[in-house]
N, C-alpha and C. Protein backbone atom coordinates (compact mmCIF):
# COMPACT_ATOMS: atom_id res chain seq x y z
N MET A 1 16.41 -3.43 29.06
CA MET A 1 15.81 -4.32 30.29
C MET A 1 14.64 -3.88 30.26
N PRO A 2 13.87 -2.64 29.86
CA PRO A 2 12.36 -2.31 29.79
C PRO A 2 11.77 -3.03 29.02
N ASP A 3 12.16 -2.55 27.46
CA ASP A 3 11.52 -3.84 26.54
C ASP A 3 11.03 -5.15 27.10
N ASP A 4 11.86 -5.78 27.78
CA ASP A 4 11.72 -7.27 27.76
C ASP A 4 10.76 -7.18 29.36
N PHE A 5 10.94 -6.02 29.84
CA PHE A 5 10.42 -5.96 30.98
C PHE A 5 8.94 -5.81 30.60
N ASP A 6 8.67 -4.75 29.94
CA ASP A 6 7.28 -4.75 28.86
C ASP A 6 6.50 -5.68 28.10
N VAL A 7 7.42 -6.70 27.32
CA VAL A 7 7.26 -7.88 27.01
C VAL A 7 6.74 -8.75 27.82
N THR A 8 7.55 -8.92 28.82
CA THR A 8 7.07 -9.99 29.76
C THR A 8 5.72 -9.53 30.92
N GLN A 9 5.56 -8.63 30.82
CA GLN A 9 4.59 -7.77 31.74
C GLN A 9 3.00 -7.90 30.56
N ASN A 10 3.41 -8.00 29.48
CA ASN A 10 2.11 -8.38 28.12
C ASN A 10 1.94 -9.50 28.34
N ILE A 11 2.74 -10.67 28.23
CA ILE A 11 2.68 -11.61 28.47
C ILE A 11 2.08 -12.66 29.11
N LYS A 12 2.15 -11.84 30.64
CA LYS A 12 1.74 -12.58 31.73
C LYS A 12 0.05 -11.60 31.80
N LEU A 13 -0.16 -10.73 31.14
CA LEU A 13 -1.16 -10.46 31.20
C LEU A 13 -2.44 -10.90 30.44
N VAL A 14 -1.60 -11.19 29.14
CA VAL A 14 -2.46 -12.01 28.19
C VAL A 14 -2.63 -13.56 28.80
N GLU A 15 -2.13 -13.74 29.47
CA GLU A 15 -1.80 -15.00 30.25
C GLU A 15 -3.17 -15.22 31.17
N LYS A 16 -3.16 -14.30 31.78
CA LYS A 16 -4.67 -13.91 33.37
C LYS A 16 -5.59 -13.35 32.61
N LEU A 17 -5.90 -13.05 31.36
CA LEU A 17 -6.68 -12.53 30.28
C LEU A 17 -7.49 -14.32 30.23
N LYS A 18 -6.69 -15.21 29.87
CA LYS A 18 -7.07 -16.19 29.06
C LYS A 18 -7.49 -17.18 29.85
N SER A 19 -7.11 -16.68 31.28
CA SER A 19 -7.72 -17.79 32.30
C SER A 19 -8.50 -17.23 33.12
N GLU A 20 -9.06 -16.06 33.17
CA GLU A 20 -10.13 -15.52 33.20
C GLU A 20 -11.58 -15.85 32.32
N LEU A 21 -10.75 -15.61 31.39
CA LEU A 21 -11.85 -15.62 30.39
C LEU A 21 -12.45 -17.17 30.09
N LEU A 22 -11.53 -18.44 30.62
CA LEU A 22 -11.97 -19.45 30.76
C LEU A 22 -12.75 -20.14 32.01
N SER A 23 -12.14 -19.42 32.95
CA SER A 23 -12.70 -19.46 34.29
C SER A 23 -14.41 -18.63 33.80
N SER A 24 -14.60 -17.76 33.54
CA SER A 24 -16.23 -17.30 33.20
C SER A 24 -16.92 -18.24 32.55
N VAL A 25 -16.14 -18.34 31.37
CA VAL A 25 -17.15 -19.60 30.63
C VAL A 25 -17.25 -20.54 31.27
N SER A 26 -16.55 -21.13 32.12
CA SER A 26 -16.56 -22.74 32.84
C SER A 26 -17.65 -21.92 34.39
N GLU A 27 -17.27 -20.93 34.70
CA GLU A 27 -18.42 -20.40 35.82
C GLU A 27 -20.33 -20.44 35.13
N LEU A 28 -19.86 -19.85 33.89
CA LEU A 28 -21.40 -20.00 33.12
C LEU A 28 -22.12 -20.94 32.80
N PHE A 29 -21.17 -21.77 32.31
CA PHE A 29 -21.85 -23.67 31.66
C PHE A 29 -21.99 -24.41 33.37
N SER A 30 -21.54 -24.37 34.51
CA SER A 30 -21.83 -24.84 35.78
C SER A 30 -23.13 -23.87 36.13
N ASP A 31 -23.08 -22.78 36.38
CA ASP A 31 -24.32 -21.91 36.60
C ASP A 31 -25.80 -22.49 35.82
N MET A 32 -25.35 -22.67 34.55
CA MET A 32 -26.17 -23.23 34.06
C MET A 32 -27.16 -24.30 34.09
N LEU A 33 -26.39 -24.97 35.42
CA LEU A 33 -26.95 -26.34 35.33
C LEU A 33 -27.86 -26.43 36.80
N VAL A 34 -27.96 -24.90 37.36
CA VAL A 34 -28.90 -24.81 38.67
C VAL A 34 -29.65 -23.65 38.45
N PRO A 35 -30.46 -23.56 39.02
CA PRO A 35 -31.34 -22.24 39.06
C PRO A 35 -30.08 -20.97 39.82
N ILE A 36 -30.46 -19.77 39.24
CA ILE A 36 -29.46 -19.07 39.49
C ILE A 36 -29.90 -17.36 38.95
N ASN A 37 -29.96 -16.24 39.99
CA ASN A 37 -30.24 -15.30 40.24
C ASN A 37 -29.87 -14.33 38.74
N ASN A 38 -30.59 -14.16 37.73
CA ASN A 38 -30.56 -13.84 36.09
C ASN A 38 -29.42 -12.48 36.35
N ASN A 39 -29.46 -11.56 37.45
CA ASN A 39 -28.03 -10.30 37.48
C ASN A 39 -27.25 -10.85 38.25
N GLU A 40 -26.77 -12.35 38.70
CA GLU A 40 -25.25 -13.12 38.70
C GLU A 40 -24.86 -13.69 37.08
N ARG A 41 -25.53 -14.19 36.37
CA ARG A 41 -25.51 -14.62 34.86
C ARG A 41 -25.70 -13.70 34.46
N ALA A 42 -25.89 -12.41 34.28
CA ALA A 42 -25.58 -11.71 33.28
C ALA A 42 -24.23 -11.20 33.74
N GLN A 43 -24.02 -10.93 35.21
CA GLN A 43 -22.89 -10.97 35.73
C GLN A 43 -21.26 -11.77 35.14
N THR A 44 -21.50 -12.50 34.91
CA THR A 44 -20.66 -14.15 34.56
C THR A 44 -20.32 -13.46 32.82
N LEU A 45 -21.85 -12.87 32.24
CA LEU A 45 -21.51 -12.80 30.79
C LEU A 45 -20.94 -11.69 30.40
N ALA A 46 -21.02 -10.34 31.07
CA ALA A 46 -20.64 -9.14 30.82
C ALA A 46 -19.00 -9.58 31.19
N ASP A 47 -18.64 -10.33 32.18
CA ASP A 47 -17.11 -10.81 32.42
C ASP A 47 -16.65 -11.13 31.20
N ILE A 48 -17.40 -12.30 30.50
CA ILE A 48 -16.69 -13.14 29.45
C ILE A 48 -16.38 -11.58 28.32
N ILE A 49 -17.34 -11.15 27.85
CA ILE A 49 -17.06 -9.73 27.00
C ILE A 49 -16.20 -9.24 27.43
N ILE A 50 -16.07 -8.61 28.48
CA ILE A 50 -15.19 -7.53 29.19
C ILE A 50 -13.75 -8.28 28.41
N PHE A 51 -13.70 -9.80 28.79
CA PHE A 51 -12.28 -9.79 28.98
C PHE A 51 -11.67 -10.53 27.49
N THR A 52 -12.86 -10.43 26.56
CA THR A 52 -12.64 -10.68 25.26
C THR A 52 -11.99 -9.75 24.81
N TYR A 53 -12.76 -8.26 24.91
CA TYR A 53 -12.32 -7.48 24.37
C TYR A 53 -10.75 -6.58 24.94
N ILE A 54 -10.81 -7.20 25.95
CA ILE A 54 -9.34 -6.46 26.78
C ILE A 54 -8.62 -7.52 26.31
N LEU A 55 -8.78 -8.68 26.00
CA LEU A 55 -8.03 -9.96 25.39
C LEU A 55 -7.35 -9.46 23.79
N ALA A 56 -8.54 -9.12 23.47
CA ALA A 56 -8.19 -8.85 21.72
C ALA A 56 -7.42 -7.57 21.44
N ASP A 57 -7.29 -6.50 22.62
CA ASP A 57 -6.95 -5.35 22.71
C ASP A 57 -5.57 -5.33 22.51
N LYS A 58 -5.40 -6.52 23.49
CA LYS A 58 -3.61 -6.91 24.04
C LYS A 58 -3.03 -7.32 22.35
N LEU A 59 -4.25 -8.57 22.08
CA LEU A 59 -3.56 -8.87 20.46
C LEU A 59 -3.33 -8.17 19.59
N GLY A 60 -4.01 -6.86 19.79
CA GLY A 60 -3.34 -6.14 18.47
C GLY A 60 -4.78 -6.01 17.65
N ILE A 61 -5.82 -6.35 18.19
CA ILE A 61 -7.04 -6.34 17.37
C ILE A 61 -8.78 -5.03 18.41
N THR A 62 -8.50 -3.98 17.21
CA THR A 62 -9.16 -2.84 18.14
C THR A 62 -10.73 -3.39 18.47
N ASN A 63 -11.62 -2.65 19.08
CA ASN A 63 -13.19 -2.93 19.55
C ASN A 63 -13.75 -2.99 18.49
N THR A 64 -13.21 -1.96 17.38
CA THR A 64 -14.40 -1.64 16.05
C THR A 64 -13.73 -2.79 15.15
N MET A 65 -12.86 -3.31 14.94
CA MET A 65 -13.26 -4.57 14.54
C MET A 65 -13.53 -5.88 14.73
N ILE A 66 -13.34 -5.53 16.17
CA ILE A 66 -14.23 -6.97 16.68
C ILE A 66 -15.76 -6.73 16.62
N ASP A 67 -16.35 -5.56 16.83
CA ASP A 67 -17.80 -4.83 15.99
C ASP A 67 -18.16 -5.41 15.26
N SER A 68 -16.98 -4.94 13.91
CA SER A 68 -17.23 -5.00 12.75
C SER A 68 -17.55 -6.92 11.96
N LYS A 69 -16.53 -7.45 12.76
CA LYS A 69 -16.54 -8.67 12.16
C LYS A 69 -18.25 -9.40 12.87
N ALA A 70 -18.58 -8.87 14.11
CA ALA A 70 -19.71 -10.00 14.85
C ALA A 70 -20.92 -9.25 13.75
N ALA A 71 -20.81 -7.63 13.28
CA ALA A 71 -22.04 -7.01 12.93
C ALA A 71 -21.86 -8.17 11.17
N SER A 72 -20.95 -8.25 10.52
CA SER A 72 -20.67 -9.12 9.41
C SER A 72 -21.51 -10.36 9.63
N LYS A 73 -20.94 -10.76 10.78
CA LYS A 73 -21.73 -12.32 10.62
C LYS A 73 -23.13 -12.34 11.09
N LEU A 74 -23.55 -11.13 11.62
CA LEU A 74 -24.92 -10.87 11.63
C LEU A 74 -25.87 -10.98 10.67
N LYS A 75 -25.25 -10.12 10.11
CA LYS A 75 -25.61 -10.04 8.51
C LYS A 75 -25.90 -10.91 7.66
N LEU A 76 -24.96 -12.03 7.71
CA LEU A 76 -25.22 -13.16 6.86
C LEU A 76 -26.14 -14.16 7.81
N ASN A 77 -26.44 -14.35 9.00
CA ASN A 77 -27.53 -14.75 9.54
C ASN A 77 -28.85 -14.51 9.40
N ILE A 78 -28.81 -13.15 8.87
CA ILE A 78 -30.01 -12.46 8.34
C ILE A 78 -30.42 -12.85 6.96
N VAL A 79 -29.66 -12.50 6.24
CA VAL A 79 -29.65 -12.70 4.71
C VAL A 79 -29.88 -14.39 4.71
N GLU A 80 -29.03 -15.11 5.14
CA GLU A 80 -29.65 -16.75 5.39
C GLU A 80 -30.90 -16.79 5.94
N GLN A 81 -31.54 -16.19 6.88
CA GLN A 81 -32.76 -16.15 7.60
C GLN A 81 -32.84 -17.73 8.78
N ASN A 82 -31.56 -17.88 9.43
CA ASN A 82 -31.43 -19.15 9.67
C ASN A 82 -31.86 -18.36 11.04
N ILE A 83 -31.75 -19.91 12.31
CA ILE A 83 -32.55 -20.17 13.20
C ILE A 83 -31.87 -18.68 14.20
N LEU A 84 -31.15 -18.47 14.04
CA LEU A 84 -30.72 -17.21 15.04
C LEU A 84 -31.14 -15.64 14.26
N TYR A 85 -31.84 -16.23 13.59
CA TYR A 85 -32.41 -14.75 12.43
C TYR A 85 -33.25 -13.10 13.57
N THR A 86 -33.96 -13.67 14.51
CA THR A 86 -34.49 -12.85 15.34
C THR A 86 -33.29 -12.36 16.11
N GLN A 87 -32.48 -13.00 16.80
CA GLN A 87 -31.72 -12.89 17.27
C GLN A 87 -30.53 -11.72 16.75
N SER A 88 -29.95 -12.24 15.89
CA SER A 88 -28.98 -11.35 14.70
C SER A 88 -29.54 -10.10 14.29
N VAL A 89 -31.21 -9.89 14.17
CA VAL A 89 -31.11 -8.45 13.92
C VAL A 89 -31.88 -7.81 15.05
N ASN A 90 -31.94 -8.38 16.16
CA ASN A 90 -31.52 -7.25 17.45
C ASN A 90 -30.53 -7.06 17.74
N LEU A 91 -29.70 -8.20 17.66
CA LEU A 91 -27.82 -7.47 18.15
C LEU A 91 -27.61 -7.01 17.21
N LEU A 92 -27.67 -6.85 15.87
CA LEU A 92 -27.17 -5.77 14.99
C LEU A 92 -27.83 -4.65 15.32
N LYS A 93 -29.12 -4.54 15.91
CA LYS A 93 -29.70 -3.24 15.86
C LYS A 93 -28.43 -2.31 16.98
N HIS A 94 -28.59 -3.45 18.57
CA HIS A 94 -27.75 -2.77 19.25
C HIS A 94 -26.06 -2.76 18.91
N ILE A 95 -25.65 -3.33 18.27
CA ILE A 95 -24.30 -3.14 18.14
C ILE A 95 -24.40 -1.62 17.12
N THR A 96 -25.07 -1.75 16.31
CA THR A 96 -25.12 -0.07 15.06
C THR A 96 -25.23 0.98 16.10
N ARG A 97 -26.54 0.68 17.31
CA ARG A 97 -27.14 1.95 17.90
C ARG A 97 -26.18 2.42 18.73
N SER A 98 -25.53 1.30 19.18
CA SER A 98 -24.28 2.16 20.44
C SER A 98 -23.20 2.21 19.87
N GLY A 99 -23.10 2.68 18.37
CA GLY A 99 -21.71 3.03 17.34
C GLY A 99 -21.12 2.43 17.43
N GLY A 100 -20.88 0.70 17.64
CA GLY A 100 -19.87 0.14 17.27
C GLY A 100 -19.15 -0.15 16.03
N THR A 101 -20.37 -0.07 14.81
CA THR A 101 -20.06 -0.27 13.57
C THR A 101 -21.16 0.85 12.70
N HIS A 102 -20.74 0.84 11.75
CA HIS A 102 -21.55 0.73 10.34
C HIS A 102 -22.57 -0.19 10.25
N ALA A 103 -23.64 0.35 9.96
CA ALA A 103 -24.91 -0.75 9.15
C ALA A 103 -24.79 -0.80 7.77
């Protein structure tokens, strides 16, 4: 019975995280339609990042793996010199500086 309880609790937590993530994205989109304090918008974006990392963990995906995949995509943007070039360079520096991955 304890194993069943853990599985049920994990399923409930994953569903809660999915709901919170979706709610935060919805809040961000709604807030983009009206003037809002950047601190509030930053909090919503931080919530999205936090829920994403925790959800990934519950799905067996490590923070390091997410950071590595993000760094790979950013490097591709840089190589292709696409429209997100400058943002990709800056974000890659942030990820590598914070120890998220090795450049």
